C-alpha cells in the first residue's frame, strides 16, 4: 500500500509541475563530491557534476528571517527528487539568474518526493 501511495503522490506532483510550468525556473545544480585521495600529497580531489533542473524559487517570510540561520536575501528552492541523481549537500551550488547560490540547508518533504533547499548568494 505504501508503494502505491508513494507512486500516487509522485504522479500528482508530476501533474502539478506540468500545470504550473510557468512558475518553475531552469537552474544548473552543481554537485561536488570527493573522487580520490592522493596518498603522496595528502590532497583530496573532487569532481563536480552539473545537472540542469527546474526549481520553484521563493523567498522566506519575514517571520523566518533571523539574520543568522536565514538571511533576508536567502531563497527557498524546491525541486523533484527524481530530477537529481544524488542527494543535495551543503557543498553544492545552484546557478540561476546569472549567479551562483550556495546550498545552506537541505530538507525533504514527508512523502520523499521533493527536496527543499535554502540557497544563499555567493559573493
Protein backbone atom coordinates (compact mmCIF):
# COMPACT_ATOMS: atom_id res chain seq x y z
CA UNK A 1 0.00 0.00 0.00
CA UNK A 2 2.85 2.38 0.86
CA UNK A 3 4.43 1.94 -2.59
CA UNK A 4 1.07 2.66 -4.27
CA UNK A 5 0.61 5.77 -2.13
CA UNK A 6 4.12 6.96 -2.94
CA UNK A 7 3.54 6.41 -6.66
CA UNK A 8 0.21 8.25 -6.46
CA UNK A 9 1.84 11.21 -4.72
CA UNK A 10 4.65 11.28 -7.30
CA UNK A 11 2.12 11.22 -10.16
CA UNK A 12 0.15 14.08 -8.57
CA UNK A 13 3.33 16.12 -8.17
CA UNK A 14 4.33 15.46 -11.79
CA UNK A 15 0.91 16.66 -12.96
CA UNK A 16 1.11 19.73 -10.72
CA UNK A 17 4.54 20.58 -12.15
CA UNK A 18 3.16 20.43 -15.68
CA UNK A 19 0.15 22.56 -14.73
CA UNK A 20 2.38 25.19 -13.10
CA UNK A 21 5.26 25.04 -15.58
CA UNK A 22 5.42 28.83 -15.89
CA UNK A 23 6.36 29.07 -12.18
CA UNK A 24 9.40 26.79 -12.44
CA UNK A 25 12.87 28.26 -13.04
CA UNK A 26 15.54 26.46 -15.04
CA UNK A 27 18.70 26.14 -12.97
CA UNK A 28 22.01 24.31 -13.03
CA UNK A 29 22.65 22.19 -9.94
CA UNK A 30 26.38 21.64 -9.35
CA UNK A 31 27.04 18.69 -7.03
CA UNK A 32 30.59 18.36 -5.74
CA UNK A 33 31.86 15.09 -4.33
CA UNK A 34 35.30 13.80 -3.37
CA UNK A 35 36.70 11.50 -6.04
CA UNK A 36 40.20 10.47 -4.99
CA UNK A 37 42.75 10.79 -2.22
CA UNK A 38 46.39 11.24 -3.25
CA UNK A 39 48.45 9.47 -0.58
CA UNK A 40 51.65 11.18 -1.75
CA UNK A 41 50.34 14.73 -1.40
CA UNK A 42 47.50 14.22 1.09
CA UNK A 43 45.16 16.08 -1.24
CA UNK A 44 41.58 15.00 -1.86
CA UNK A 45 40.42 15.81 -5.37
CA UNK A 46 36.78 16.36 -6.13
CA UNK A 47 34.55 16.13 -9.15
CA UNK A 48 31.64 18.45 -9.92
CA UNK A 49 28.60 17.18 -11.80
CA UNK A 50 26.28 19.76 -13.36
CA UNK A 51 22.61 18.94 -13.94
CA UNK A 52 20.01 21.23 -15.46
CA UNK A 53 16.79 21.01 -13.44
CA UNK A 54 13.66 23.08 -12.80
CA UNK A 55 13.07 24.59 -9.37
CA UNK A 56 10.38 26.59 -7.64
CA UNK A 57 12.24 29.61 -6.27
CA UNK A 58 10.73 31.66 -3.46
CA UNK A 59 11.68 33.95 -0.62
CA UNK A 60 11.40 33.36 3.11
CA UNK A 61 8.71 35.12 5.13
CA UNK A 62 9.90 37.91 7.39
CA UNK A 63 8.96 35.78 10.41
CA UNK A 64 11.60 33.19 9.42
CA UNK A 65 14.39 35.68 8.72
CA UNK A 66 16.56 35.85 11.84
CA UNK A 67 19.75 37.34 10.37
CA UNK A 68 21.82 34.29 11.30
CA UNK A 69 20.29 31.00 10.13
CA UNK A 70 18.10 32.65 7.49
CA UNK A 71 19.12 35.92 5.86
CA UNK A 72 16.72 38.26 4.12
CA UNK A 73 18.48 37.56 0.83
CA UNK A 74 18.28 33.75 1.12
CA UNK A 75 15.88 31.91 -1.16
CA UNK A 76 13.98 28.65 -0.84
CA UNK A 77 14.36 26.33 -3.84
CA UNK A 78 12.11 23.28 -4.15
CA UNK A 79 12.54 20.58 -6.77
CA UNK A 80 11.61 16.99 -7.53
CA UNK A 81 13.92 14.37 -6.02
CA UNK A 82 13.75 12.34 -9.22
CA UNK A 83 15.28 15.27 -11.16
CA UNK A 84 18.62 14.92 -9.36
CA UNK A 85 20.56 11.65 -9.26
CA UNK A 86 22.28 12.48 -5.97
CA UNK A 87 21.23 13.82 -2.58
CA UNK A 88 21.84 17.60 -2.34
CA UNK A 89 24.59 18.63 0.06
CA UNK A 90 25.78 21.86 1.67
CA UNK A 91 28.88 21.72 -0.55
CA UNK A 92 26.75 22.09 -3.70
CA UNK A 93 25.93 25.17 -5.77
CA UNK A 94 22.94 26.23 -7.83
CA UNK A 95 23.23 28.66 -10.73
CA UNK A 96 20.24 30.75 -11.70
CA UNK A 97 19.66 34.38 -12.60
CA UNK A 98 23.32 34.54 -13.69
CA UNK A 99 24.54 33.95 -10.11
CA UNK A 100 25.87 31.09 -8.05
CA UNK A 101 23.98 30.22 -4.87
CA UNK A 102 25.40 28.02 -2.12
CA UNK A 103 23.21 25.29 -0.65
CA UNK A 104 22.87 26.18 3.06
CA UNK A 105 20.40 23.51 4.15
CA UNK A 106 18.57 20.53 2.66
CA UNK A 107 15.25 19.02 3.73
CA UNK A 108 12.80 16.67 2.11
CA UNK A 109 9.04 16.51 2.22
CA UNK A 110 7.28 13.79 4.21
CA UNK A 111 6.45 11.85 1.03
CA UNK A 112 10.13 11.79 -0.02
CA UNK A 113 9.33 13.33 -3.41
CA UNK A 114 10.73 16.86 -3.05
CA UNK A 115 14.00 18.45 -1.98
CA UNK A 116 13.60 21.79 -0.20
CA UNK A 117 16.86 23.72 -0.13
CA UNK A 118 17.92 27.02 1.36
CA UNK A 119 20.19 28.95 -1.02
CA UNK A 120 22.43 31.88 -0.28
CA UNK A 121 24.08 34.10 -2.92
CA UNK A 122 27.80 33.53 -3.31
CA UNK A 123 29.61 36.85 -3.10
